[in-house]
Amino acid sequence: MAKLKLKKGDTVKVIAGNDKGSTGEILKILVGENKVIIAGVNKVKKHTKPSAQNPQGGIVESEAPIQISNVMLLDGDAATRVGRKVVDGQIKRYAKKTDKILD
């Protein structure tokens, strides 16, 4: 399994798929599946039966996972690839487009 270069809380841009061009913050990373859940992106509707927590039932809208290869990190306004390099004995993430340290 490859080392993932994105973290929870990063702002990313979708570069492929139905939501191409939209941006959002990473809410959750599904490491085993190589997928991420992004706020406001890839919304799906799920029909739910009435239950104790939701006595009304109805249609619930939520974010579905998207493949991690279909997103790029935003550095300012531009999407950039992420690299790793050693700075002061520690491995840090950096934006390859601007060569700026991210962490």
PDB file of N, CA and C in Angstrom:
ATOM      1  N   MET A   1       0.848  -1.176   0.000  1.00  0.00           N
ATOM      2  CA  MET A   1       0.000   0.000   0.000  1.00  0.00           C
ATOM      3  C   MET A   1       0.897   1.244   0.000  1.00  0.00           C
ATOM      4  N   ALA A   2       0.589   2.183  -0.859  1.00  0.00           N
ATOM      5  CA  ALA A   2       1.392   3.393  -1.004  1.00  0.00           C
ATOM      6  C   ALA A   2       1.113   4.374   0.132  1.00  0.00           C
ATOM      7  N   LYS A   3       2.100   5.198   0.435  1.00  0.00           N
ATOM      8  CA  LYS A   3       1.943   6.239   1.448  1.00  0.00           C
ATOM      9  C   LYS A   3       1.074   7.351   0.875  1.00  0.00           C
ATOM     10  N   LEU A   4       0.033   7.730   1.596  1.00  0.00           N
ATOM     11  CA  LEU A   4      -0.864   8.783   1.135  1.00  0.00           C
ATOM     12  C   LEU A   4      -0.271  10.140   1.476  1.00  0.00           C
ATOM     13  N   LYS A   5      -0.396  11.088   0.568  1.00  0.00           N
ATOM     14  CA  LYS A   5       0.223  12.395   0.751  1.00  0.00           C
ATOM     15  C   LYS A   5      -0.787  13.471   1.130  1.00  0.00           C
ATOM     16  N   LEU A   6      -2.053  13.097   1.299  1.00  0.00           N
ATOM     17  CA  LEU A   6      -3.085  14.037   1.726  1.00  0.00           C
ATOM     18  C   LEU A   6      -3.469  13.732   3.163  1.00  0.00           C
ATOM     19  N   LYS A   7      -3.941  14.757   3.862  1.00  0.00           N
ATOM     20  CA  LYS A   7      -4.339  14.604   5.253  1.00  0.00           C
ATOM     21  C   LYS A   7      -5.755  15.142   5.447  1.00  0.00           C
ATOM     22  N   LYS A   8      -6.366  14.730   6.546  1.00  0.00           N
ATOM     23  CA  LYS A   8      -7.659  15.260   6.933  1.00  0.00           C
ATOM     24  C   LYS A   8      -7.503  16.760   7.179  1.00  0.00           C
ATOM     25  N   GLY A   9      -8.432  17.556   6.618  1.00  0.00           N
ATOM     26  CA  GLY A   9      -8.373  19.003   6.782  1.00  0.00           C
ATOM     27  C   GLY A   9      -7.757  19.725   5.603  1.00  0.00           C
ATOM     28  N   ASP A  10      -7.095  19.000   4.695  1.00  0.00           N
ATOM     29  CA  ASP A  10      -6.525  19.624   3.490  1.00  0.00           C
ATOM     30  C   ASP A  10      -7.636  20.080   2.559  1.00  0.00           C
ATOM     31  N   THR A  11      -7.421  21.202   1.882  1.00  0.00           N
ATOM     32  CA  THR A  11      -8.351  21.671   0.860  1.00  0.00           C
ATOM     33  C   THR A  11      -7.882  21.122  -0.477  1.00  0.00           C
ATOM     34  N   VAL A  12      -8.797  20.427  -1.171  1.00  0.00           N
ATOM     35  CA  VAL A  12      -8.436  19.763  -2.415  1.00  0.00           C
ATOM     36  C   VAL A  12      -9.392  20.165  -3.533  1.00  0.00           C
ATOM     37  N   LYS A  13      -8.949  19.911  -4.765  1.00  0.00           N
ATOM     38  CA  LYS A  13      -9.753  20.171  -5.954  1.00  0.00           C
ATOM     39  C   LYS A  13      -9.954  18.849  -6.678  1.00  0.00           C
ATOM     40  N   VAL A  14     -11.186  18.595  -7.138  1.00  0.00           N
ATOM     41  CA  VAL A  14     -11.484  17.376  -7.883  1.00  0.00           C
ATOM     42  C   VAL A  14     -11.052  17.592  -9.327  1.00  0.00           C
ATOM     43  N   ILE A  15     -10.228  16.675  -9.862  1.00  0.00           N
ATOM     44  CA  ILE A  15      -9.685  16.843 -11.204  1.00  0.00           C
ATOM     45  C   ILE A  15     -10.300  15.880 -12.216  1.00  0.00           C
ATOM     46  N   ALA A  16     -11.151  14.951 -11.765  1.00  0.00           N
ATOM     47  CA  ALA A  16     -11.772  13.999 -12.683  1.00  0.00           C
ATOM     48  C   ALA A  16     -13.108  13.544 -12.113  1.00  0.00           C
ATOM     49  N   GLY A  17     -14.021  13.162 -12.996  1.00  0.00           N
ATOM     50  CA  GLY A  17     -15.312  12.642 -12.563  1.00  0.00           C
ATOM     51  C   GLY A  17     -16.424  13.657 -12.714  1.00  0.00           C
ATOM     52  N   ASN A  18     -17.588  13.315 -12.178  1.00  0.00           N
ATOM     53  CA  ASN A  18     -18.778  14.164 -12.307  1.00  0.00           C
ATOM     54  C   ASN A  18     -18.631  15.502 -11.594  1.00  0.00           C
ATOM     55  N   ASP A  19     -17.855  15.553 -10.519  1.00  0.00           N
ATOM     56  CA  ASP A  19     -17.688  16.778  -9.739  1.00  0.00           C
ATOM     57  C   ASP A  19     -16.394  17.505 -10.089  1.00  0.00           C
ATOM     58  N   LYS A  20     -15.899  17.315 -11.307  1.00  0.00           N
ATOM     59  CA  LYS A  20     -14.643  17.925 -11.730  1.00  0.00           C
ATOM     60  C   LYS A  20     -14.699  19.439 -11.569  1.00  0.00           C
ATOM     61  N   GLY A  21     -13.642  20.003 -10.953  1.00  0.00           N
ATOM     62  CA  GLY A  21     -13.564  21.444 -10.765  1.00  0.00           C
ATOM     63  C   GLY A  21     -14.030  21.921  -9.400  1.00  0.00           C
ATOM     64  N   SER A  22     -14.762  21.102  -8.664  1.00  0.00           N
ATOM     65  CA  SER A  22     -15.242  21.531  -7.357  1.00  0.00           C
ATOM     66  C   SER A  22     -14.155  21.340  -6.304  1.00  0.00           C
ATOM     67  N   THR A  23     -14.229  22.151  -5.256  1.00  0.00           N
ATOM     68  CA  THR A  23     -13.237  22.110  -4.189  1.00  0.00           C
ATOM     69  C   THR A  23     -13.915  21.872  -2.856  1.00  0.00           C
ATOM     70  N   GLY A  24     -13.160  21.400  -1.897  1.00  0.00           N
ATOM     71  CA  GLY A  24     -13.692  21.174  -0.562  1.00  0.00           C
ATOM     72  C   GLY A  24     -12.605  20.675   0.368  1.00  0.00           C
ATOM     73  N   GLU A  25     -12.967  20.543   1.633  1.00  0.00           N
ATOM     74  CA  GLU A  25     -12.037  20.096   2.658  1.00  0.00           C
ATOM     75  C   GLU A  25     -12.214  18.603   2.884  1.00  0.00           C
ATOM     76  N   ILE A  26     -11.110  17.894   3.091  1.00  0.00           N
ATOM     77  CA  ILE A  26     -11.169  16.455   3.349  1.00  0.00           C
ATOM     78  C   ILE A  26     -11.728  16.232   4.748  1.00  0.00           C
ATOM     79  N   LEU A  27     -12.831  15.462   4.823  1.00  0.00           N
ATOM     80  CA  LEU A  27     -13.447  15.138   6.099  1.00  0.00           C
ATOM     81  C   LEU A  27     -12.911  13.834   6.672  1.00  0.00           C
ATOM     82  N   LYS A  28     -12.654  12.870   5.764  1.00  0.00           N
ATOM     83  CA  LYS A  28     -12.225  11.548   6.207  1.00  0.00           C
ATOM     84  C   LYS A  28     -11.421  10.884   5.104  1.00  0.00           C
ATOM     85  N   ILE A  29     -10.420  10.099   5.493  1.00  0.00           N
ATOM     86  CA  ILE A  29      -9.624   9.339   4.539  1.00  0.00           C
ATOM     87  C   ILE A  29      -9.838   7.857   4.810  1.00  0.00           C
ATOM     88  N   LEU A  30     -10.233   7.113   3.784  1.00  0.00           N
ATOM     89  CA  LEU A  30     -10.418   5.671   3.881  1.00  0.00           C
ATOM     90  C   LEU A  30      -9.145   5.022   3.320  1.00  0.00           C
ATOM     91  N   VAL A  31      -8.211   4.690   4.201  1.00  0.00           N
ATOM     92  CA  VAL A  31      -6.873   4.283   3.806  1.00  0.00           C
ATOM     93  C   VAL A  31      -6.886   2.969   3.023  1.00  0.00           C
ATOM     94  N   GLY A  32      -7.623   1.978   3.485  1.00  0.00           N
ATOM     95  CA  GLY A  32      -7.633   0.679   2.827  1.00  0.00           C
ATOM     96  C   GLY A  32      -8.227   0.711   1.432  1.00  0.00           C
ATOM     97  N   GLU A  33      -9.123   1.656   1.186  1.00  0.00           N
ATOM     98  CA  GLU A  33      -9.793   1.751  -0.109  1.00  0.00           C
ATOM     99  C   GLU A  33      -9.181   2.816  -1.018  1.00  0.00           C
ATOM    100  N   ASN A  34      -8.195   3.585  -0.520  1.00  0.00           N
ATOM    101  CA  ASN A  34      -7.602   4.716  -1.252  1.00  0.00           C
ATOM    102  C   ASN A  34      -8.672   5.708  -1.699  1.00  0.00           C
ATOM    103  N   LYS A  35      -9.580   6.055  -0.795  1.00  0.00           N
ATOM    104  CA  LYS A  35     -10.646   7.002  -1.093  1.00  0.00           C
ATOM    105  C   LYS A  35     -10.700   8.080  -0.020  1.00  0.00           C
ATOM    106  N   VAL A  36     -11.285   9.219  -0.376  1.00  0.00           N
ATOM    107  CA  VAL A  36     -11.466  10.318   0.567  1.00  0.00           C
ATOM    108  C   VAL A  36     -12.909  10.797   0.510  1.00  0.00           C
ATOM    109  N   ILE A  37     -13.383  11.365   1.609  1.00  0.00           N
ATOM    110  CA  ILE A  37     -14.693  11.996   1.659  1.00  0.00           C
ATOM    111  C   ILE A  37     -14.446  13.494   1.781  1.00  0.00           C
ATOM    112  N   ILE A  38     -15.019  14.259   0.840  1.00  0.00           N
ATOM    113  CA  ILE A  38     -14.783  15.695   0.762  1.00  0.00           C
ATOM    114  C   ILE A  38     -16.100  16.424   1.034  1.00  0.00           C
ATOM    115  N   ALA A  39     -16.037  17.480   1.826  1.00  0.00           N
ATOM    116  CA  ALA A  39     -17.228  18.242   2.189  1.00  0.00           C
ATOM    117  C   ALA A  39     -17.865  18.871   0.948  1.00  0.00           C
ATOM    118  N   GLY A  40     -19.140  18.576   0.717  1.00  0.00           N
ATOM    119  CA  GLY A  40     -19.896  19.186  -0.371  1.00  0.00           C
ATOM    120  C   GLY A  40     -19.642  18.602  -1.746  1.00  0.00           C
ATOM    121  N   VAL A  41     -18.892  17.517  -1.844  1.00  0.00           N
ATOM    122  CA  VAL A  41     -18.556  16.923  -3.144  1.00  0.00           C
ATOM    123  C   VAL A  41     -19.083  15.496  -3.196  1.00  0.00           C
ATOM    124  N   ASN A  42     -19.551  15.065  -4.371  1.00  0.00           N
ATOM    125  CA  ASN A  42     -20.063  13.709  -4.605  1.00  0.00           C
ATOM    126  C   ASN A  42     -21.227  13.392  -3.672  1.00  0.00           C
ATOM    127  N   LYS A  43     -22.215  14.279  -3.658  1.00  0.00           N
ATOM    128  CA  LYS A  43     -23.391  14.111  -2.803  1.00  0.00           C
ATOM    129  C   LYS A  43     -24.280  13.019  -3.360  1.00  0.00           C
ATOM    130  N   VAL A  44     -24.780  12.147  -2.474  1.00  0.00           N
ATOM    131  CA  VAL A  44     -25.716  11.090  -2.854  1.00  0.00           C
ATOM    132  C   VAL A  44     -26.932  11.167  -1.939  1.00  0.00           C
ATOM    133  N   LYS A  45     -28.066  10.699  -2.450  1.00  0.00           N
ATOM    134  CA  LYS A  45     -29.294  10.680  -1.664  1.00  0.00           C
ATOM    135  C   LYS A  45     -29.605   9.243  -1.269  1.00  0.00           C
ATOM    136  N   LYS A  46     -29.953   9.045  -0.006  1.00  0.00           N
ATOM    137  CA  LYS A  46     -30.251   7.721   0.511  1.00  0.00           C
ATOM    138  C   LYS A  46     -31.642   7.745   1.138  1.00  0.00           C
ATOM    139  N   HIS A  47     -32.469   6.795   0.762  1.00  0.00           N
ATOM    140  CA  HIS A  47     -33.820   6.704   1.313  1.00  0.00           C
ATOM    141  C   HIS A  47     -33.753   5.901   2.604  1.00  0.00           C
ATOM    142  N   THR A  48     -34.303   6.475   3.700  1.00  0.00           N
ATOM    143  CA  THR A  48     -34.242   5.816   4.999  1.00  0.00           C
ATOM    144  C   THR A  48     -35.635   5.561   5.537  1.00  0.00           C
ATOM    145  N   LYS A  49     -35.764   4.435   6.214  1.00  0.00           N
ATOM    146  CA  LYS A  49     -37.019   4.102   6.886  1.00  0.00           C
ATOM    147  C   LYS A  49     -37.086   4.860   8.208  1.00  0.00           C
ATOM    148  N   PRO A  50     -38.262   5.083   8.733  1.00  0.00           N
ATOM    149  CA  PRO A  50     -38.362   5.693  10.059  1.00  0.00           C
ATOM    150  C   PRO A  50     -37.702   4.801  11.119  1.00  0.00           C
ATOM    151  N   SER A  51     -36.994   5.428  12.056  1.00  0.00           N
ATOM    152  CA  SER A  51     -36.331   4.699  13.129  1.00  0.00           C
ATOM    153  C   SER A  51     -36.417   5.533  14.405  1.00  0.00           C
ATOM    154  N   ALA A  52     -35.802   5.036  15.466  1.00  0.00           N
ATOM    155  CA  ALA A  52     -35.839   5.769  16.737  1.00  0.00           C
ATOM    156  C   ALA A  52     -35.089   7.100  16.628  1.00  0.00           C
ATOM    157  N   GLN A  53     -33.941   7.099  15.917  1.00  0.00           N
ATOM    158  CA  GLN A  53     -33.179   8.330  15.768  1.00  0.00           C
ATOM    159  C   GLN A  53     -33.831   9.273  14.768  1.00  0.00           C
ATOM    160  N   ASN A  54     -34.467   8.729  13.760  1.00  0.00           N
ATOM    161  CA  ASN A  54     -35.092   9.523  12.702  1.00  0.00           C
ATOM    162  C   ASN A  54     -36.538   9.062  12.536  1.00  0.00           C
ATOM    163  N   PRO A  55     -37.457   9.535  13.391  1.00  0.00           N
ATOM    164  CA  PRO A  55     -38.835   9.033  13.349  1.00  0.00           C
ATOM    165  C   PRO A  55     -39.582   9.408  12.061  1.00  0.00           C
ATOM    166  N   GLN A  56     -39.146  10.466  11.388  1.00  0.00           N
ATOM    167  CA  GLN A  56     -39.814  10.897  10.167  1.00  0.00           C
ATOM    168  C   GLN A  56     -39.426  10.028   8.973  1.00  0.00           C
ATOM    169  N   GLY A  57     -38.162   9.570   8.933  1.00  0.00           N
ATOM    170  CA  GLY A  57     -37.683   8.849   7.756  1.00  0.00           C
ATOM    171  C   GLY A  57     -37.448   9.828   6.623  1.00  0.00           C
ATOM    172  N   GLY A  58     -37.412   9.346   5.384  1.00  0.00           N
ATOM    173  CA  GLY A  58     -37.286  10.232   4.242  1.00  0.00           C
ATOM    174  C   GLY A  58     -35.965  10.078   3.510  1.00  0.00           C
ATOM    175  N   ILE A  59     -35.579  11.150   2.821  1.00  0.00           N
ATOM    176  CA  ILE A  59     -34.376  11.137   1.994  1.00  0.00           C
ATOM    177  C   ILE A  59     -33.266  11.902   2.711  1.00  0.00           C
ATOM    178  N   VAL A  60     -32.122  11.245   2.893  1.00  0.00           N
ATOM    179  CA  VAL A  60     -30.968  11.844   3.555  1.00  0.00           C
ATOM    180  C   VAL A  60     -29.878  12.048   2.510  1.00  0.00           C
ATOM    181  N   GLU A  61     -29.301  13.247   2.463  1.00  0.00           N
ATOM    182  CA  GLU A  61     -28.249  13.550   1.505  1.00  0.00           C
ATOM    183  C   GLU A  61     -26.902  13.584   2.234  1.00  0.00           C
ATOM    184  N   SER A  62     -25.908  12.875   1.695  1.00  0.00           N
ATOM    185  CA  SER A  62     -24.588  12.841   2.324  1.00  0.00           C
ATOM    186  C   SER A  62     -23.501  12.730   1.265  1.00  0.00           C
ATOM    187  N   GLU A  63     -22.253  12.889   1.699  1.00  0.00           N
ATOM    188  CA  GLU A  63     -21.111  12.788   0.790  1.00  0.00           C
ATOM    189  C   GLU A  63     -20.672  11.336   0.671  1.00  0.00           C
ATOM    190  N   ALA A  64     -20.376  10.918  -0.558  1.00  0.00           N
ATOM    191  CA  ALA A  64     -19.864   9.576  -0.809  1.00  0.00           C
ATOM    192  C   ALA A  64     -18.358   9.664  -1.056  1.00  0.00           C
ATOM    193  N   PRO A  65     -17.634   8.571  -0.851  1.00  0.00           N
ATOM    194  CA  PRO A  65     -16.179   8.596  -1.083  1.00  0.00           C
ATOM    195  C   PRO A  65     -15.841   8.802  -2.556  1.00  0.00           C
ATOM    196  N   ILE A  66     -14.682   9.392  -2.792  1.00  0.00           N
ATOM    197  CA  ILE A  66     -14.174   9.610  -4.140  1.00  0.00           C
ATOM    198  C   ILE A  66     -12.732   9.093  -4.163  1.00  0.00           C
ATOM    199  N   GLN A  67     -12.312   8.541  -5.292  1.00  0.00           N
ATOM    200  CA  GLN A  67     -10.965   7.978  -5.421  1.00  0.00           C
ATOM    201  C   GLN A  67      -9.917   9.057  -5.170  1.00  0.00           C
ATOM    202  N   ILE A  68      -8.902   8.717  -4.392  1.00  0.00           N
ATOM    203  CA  ILE A  68      -7.892   9.703  -3.999  1.00  0.00           C
ATOM    204  C   ILE A  68      -7.064  10.179  -5.193  1.00  0.00           C
ATOM    205  N   SER A  69      -6.996   9.374  -6.249  1.00  0.00           N
ATOM    206  CA  SER A  69      -6.240   9.779  -7.436  1.00  0.00           C
ATOM    207  C   SER A  69      -6.975  10.844  -8.242  1.00  0.00           C
ATOM    208  N   ASN A  70      -8.234  11.087  -7.927  1.00  0.00           N
ATOM    209  CA  ASN A  70      -9.027  12.081  -8.649  1.00  0.00           C
ATOM    210  C   ASN A  70      -9.041  13.444  -7.969  1.00  0.00           C
ATOM    211  N   VAL A  71      -8.207  13.635  -6.952  1.00  0.00           N
ATOM    212  CA  VAL A  71      -8.136  14.930  -6.269  1.00  0.00           C
ATOM    213  C   VAL A  71      -6.693  15.406  -6.210  1.00  0.00           C
ATOM    214  N   MET A  72      -6.522  16.738  -6.188  1.00  0.00           N
ATOM    215  CA  MET A  72      -5.207  17.355  -6.032  1.00  0.00           C
ATOM    216  C   MET A  72      -5.280  18.401  -4.938  1.00  0.00           C
ATOM    217  N   LEU A  73      -4.201  18.544  -4.211  1.00  0.00           N
ATOM    218  CA  LEU A  73      -4.117  19.518  -3.130  1.00  0.00           C
ATOM    219  C   LEU A  73      -4.127  20.933  -3.697  1.00  0.00           C
ATOM    220  N   LEU A  74      -4.852  21.837  -3.030  1.00  0.00           N
ATOM    221  CA  LEU A  74      -4.850  23.245  -3.427  1.00  0.00           C
ATOM    222  C   LEU A  74      -3.814  23.993  -2.597  1.00  0.00           C
ATOM    223  N   ASP A  75      -2.940  24.713  -3.294  1.00  0.00           N
ATOM    224  CA  ASP A  75      -1.961  25.580  -2.645  1.00  0.00           C
ATOM    225  C   ASP A  75      -2.279  26.995  -3.121  1.00  0.00           C
ATOM    226  N   GLY A  76      -3.036  27.726  -2.317  1.00  0.00           N
ATOM    227  CA  GLY A  76      -3.555  29.016  -2.766  1.00  0.00           C
ATOM    228  C   GLY A  76      -4.727  28.754  -3.703  1.00  0.00           C
ATOM    229  N   ASP A  77      -4.611  29.189  -4.959  1.00  0.00           N
ATOM    230  CA  ASP A  77      -5.666  28.948  -5.937  1.00  0.00           C
ATOM    231  C   ASP A  77      -5.309  27.851  -6.913  1.00  0.00           C
ATOM    232  N   ALA A  78      -4.060  27.396  -6.932  1.00  0.00           N
ATOM    233  CA  ALA A  78      -3.601  26.434  -7.923  1.00  0.00           C
ATOM    234  C   ALA A  78      -3.515  25.033  -7.327  1.00  0.00           C
ATOM    235  N   ALA A  79      -3.927  24.037  -8.110  1.00  0.00           N
ATOM    236  CA  ALA A  79      -3.776  22.642  -7.710  1.00  0.00           C
ATOM    237  C   ALA A  79      -2.323  22.231  -7.935  1.00  0.00           C
ATOM    238  N   THR A  80      -1.788  21.466  -7.001  1.00  0.00           N
ATOM    239  CA  THR A  80      -0.385  21.081  -7.085  1.00  0.00           C
ATOM    240  C   THR A  80      -0.202  19.644  -6.633  1.00  0.00           C
ATOM    241  N   ARG A  81       0.871  19.025  -7.113  1.00  0.00           N
ATOM    242  CA  ARG A  81       1.248  17.709  -6.617  1.00  0.00           C
ATOM    243  C   ARG A  81       1.983  17.882  -5.296  1.00  0.00           C
ATOM    244  N   VAL A  82       2.015  16.806  -4.511  1.00  0.00           N
ATOM    245  CA  VAL A  82       2.629  16.862  -3.192  1.00  0.00           C
ATOM    246  C   VAL A  82       3.843  15.957  -3.177  1.00  0.00           C
ATOM    247  N   GLY A  83       4.958  16.478  -2.664  1.00  0.00           N
ATOM    248  CA  GLY A  83       6.167  15.683  -2.513  1.00  0.00           C
ATOM    249  C   GLY A  83       6.561  15.608  -1.054  1.00  0.00           C
ATOM    250  N   ARG A  84       7.623  14.839  -0.789  1.00  0.00           N
ATOM    251  CA  ARG A  84       8.120  14.698   0.580  1.00  0.00           C
ATOM    252  C   ARG A  84       9.621  14.910   0.537  1.00  0.00           C
ATOM    253  N   LYS A  85      10.134  15.701   1.484  1.00  0.00           N
ATOM    254  CA  LYS A  85      11.582  15.873   1.585  1.00  0.00           C
ATOM    255  C   LYS A  85      11.972  16.057   3.040  1.00  0.00           C
ATOM    256  N   VAL A  86      13.246  15.828   3.305  1.00  0.00           N
ATOM    257  CA  VAL A  86      13.761  15.914   4.665  1.00  0.00           C
ATOM    258  C   VAL A  86      14.195  17.348   4.944  1.00  0.00           C
ATOM    259  N   VAL A  87      13.618  17.931   6.016  1.00  0.00           N
ATOM    260  CA  VAL A  87      13.979  19.276   6.454  1.00  0.00           C
ATOM    261  C   VAL A  87      14.289  19.196   7.941  1.00  0.00           C
ATOM    262  N   ASP A  88      15.503  19.548   8.317  1.00  0.00           N
ATOM    263  CA  ASP A  88      15.951  19.501   9.715  1.00  0.00           C
ATOM    264  C   ASP A  88      15.757  18.118  10.337  1.00  0.00           C
ATOM    265  N   GLY A  89      16.011  17.070   9.567  1.00  0.00           N
ATOM    266  CA  GLY A  89      15.910  15.713  10.087  1.00  0.00           C
ATOM    267  C   GLY A  89      14.500  15.155  10.131  1.00  0.00           C
ATOM    268  N   GLN A  90      13.505  15.899   9.672  1.00  0.00           N
ATOM    269  CA  GLN A  90      12.123  15.433   9.653  1.00  0.00           C
ATOM    270  C   GLN A  90      11.603  15.421   8.223  1.00  0.00           C
ATOM    271  N   ILE A  91      10.721  14.472   7.941  1.00  0.00           N
ATOM    272  CA  ILE A  91      10.117  14.408   6.615  1.00  0.00           C
ATOM    273  C   ILE A  91       8.936  15.374   6.586  1.00  0.00           C
ATOM    274  N   LYS A  92       8.937  16.287   5.627  1.00  0.00           N
ATOM    275  CA  LYS A  92       7.886  17.299   5.493  1.00  0.00           C
ATOM    276  C   LYS A  92       7.239  17.174   4.120  1.00  0.00           C
ATOM    277  N   ARG A  93       5.976  17.554   4.037  1.00  0.00           N
ATOM    278  CA  ARG A  93       5.288  17.619   2.745  1.00  0.00           C
ATOM    279  C   ARG A  93       5.549  18.984   2.121  1.00  0.00           C
ATOM    280  N   TYR A  94       5.657  19.013   0.782  1.00  0.00           N
ATOM    281  CA  TYR A  94       5.829  20.294   0.109  1.00  0.00           C
ATOM    282  C   TYR A  94       5.061  20.302  -1.203  1.00  0.00           C
ATOM    283  N   ALA A  95       4.660  21.502  -1.626  1.00  0.00           N
ATOM    284  CA  ALA A  95       3.952  21.678  -2.888  1.00  0.00           C
ATOM    285  C   ALA A  95       4.989  21.715  -4.005  1.00  0.00           C
ATOM    286  N   LYS A  96       4.852  20.815  -4.977  1.00  0.00           N
ATOM    287  CA  LYS A  96       5.854  20.722  -6.036  1.00  0.00           C
ATOM    288  C   LYS A  96       5.813  21.937  -6.978  1.00  0.00           C
ATOM    289  N   LYS A  97       4.653  22.570  -7.106  1.00  0.00           N
ATOM    290  CA  LYS A  97       4.545  23.713  -8.015  1.00  0.00           C
ATOM    291  C   LYS A  97       5.266  24.936  -7.462  1.00  0.00           C
ATOM    292  N   THR A  98       5.139  25.195  -6.157  1.00  0.00           N
ATOM    293  CA  THR A  98       5.724  26.388  -5.547  1.00  0.00           C
ATOM    294  C   THR A  98       6.935  26.076  -4.665  1.00  0.00           C
ATOM    295  N   ASP A  99       7.207  24.798  -4.407  1.00  0.00           N
ATOM    296  CA  ASP A  99       8.308  24.360  -3.544  1.00  0.00           C
ATOM    297  C   ASP A  99       8.146  24.887  -2.117  1.00  0.00           C
ATOM    298  N   LYS A 100       6.885  25.074  -1.678  1.00  0.00           N
ATOM    299  CA  LYS A 100       6.586  25.598  -0.347  1.00  0.00           C
ATOM    300  C   LYS A 100       6.300  24.437   0.611  1.00  0.00           C
ATOM    301  N   ILE A 101       6.833  24.510   1.823  1.00  0.00           N
ATOM    302  CA  ILE A 101       6.588  23.481   2.840  1.00  0.00           C
ATOM    303  C   ILE A 101       5.137  23.619   3.326  1.00  0.00           C
ATOM    304  N   LEU A 102       4.422  22.483   3.420  1.00  0.00           N
ATOM    305  CA  LEU A 102       3.000  22.521   3.771  1.00  0.00           C
ATOM    306  C   LEU A 102       2.766  22.325   5.265  1.00  0.00           C
ATOM    307  N   ASP A 103       3.596  21.560   5.942  1.00  0.00           N
ATOM    308  CA  ASP A 103       3.338  21.270   7.364  1.00  0.00           C
ATOM    309  C   ASP A 103       4.063  22.226   8.274  1.00  0.00           C
TER     310      ASP A 103
END
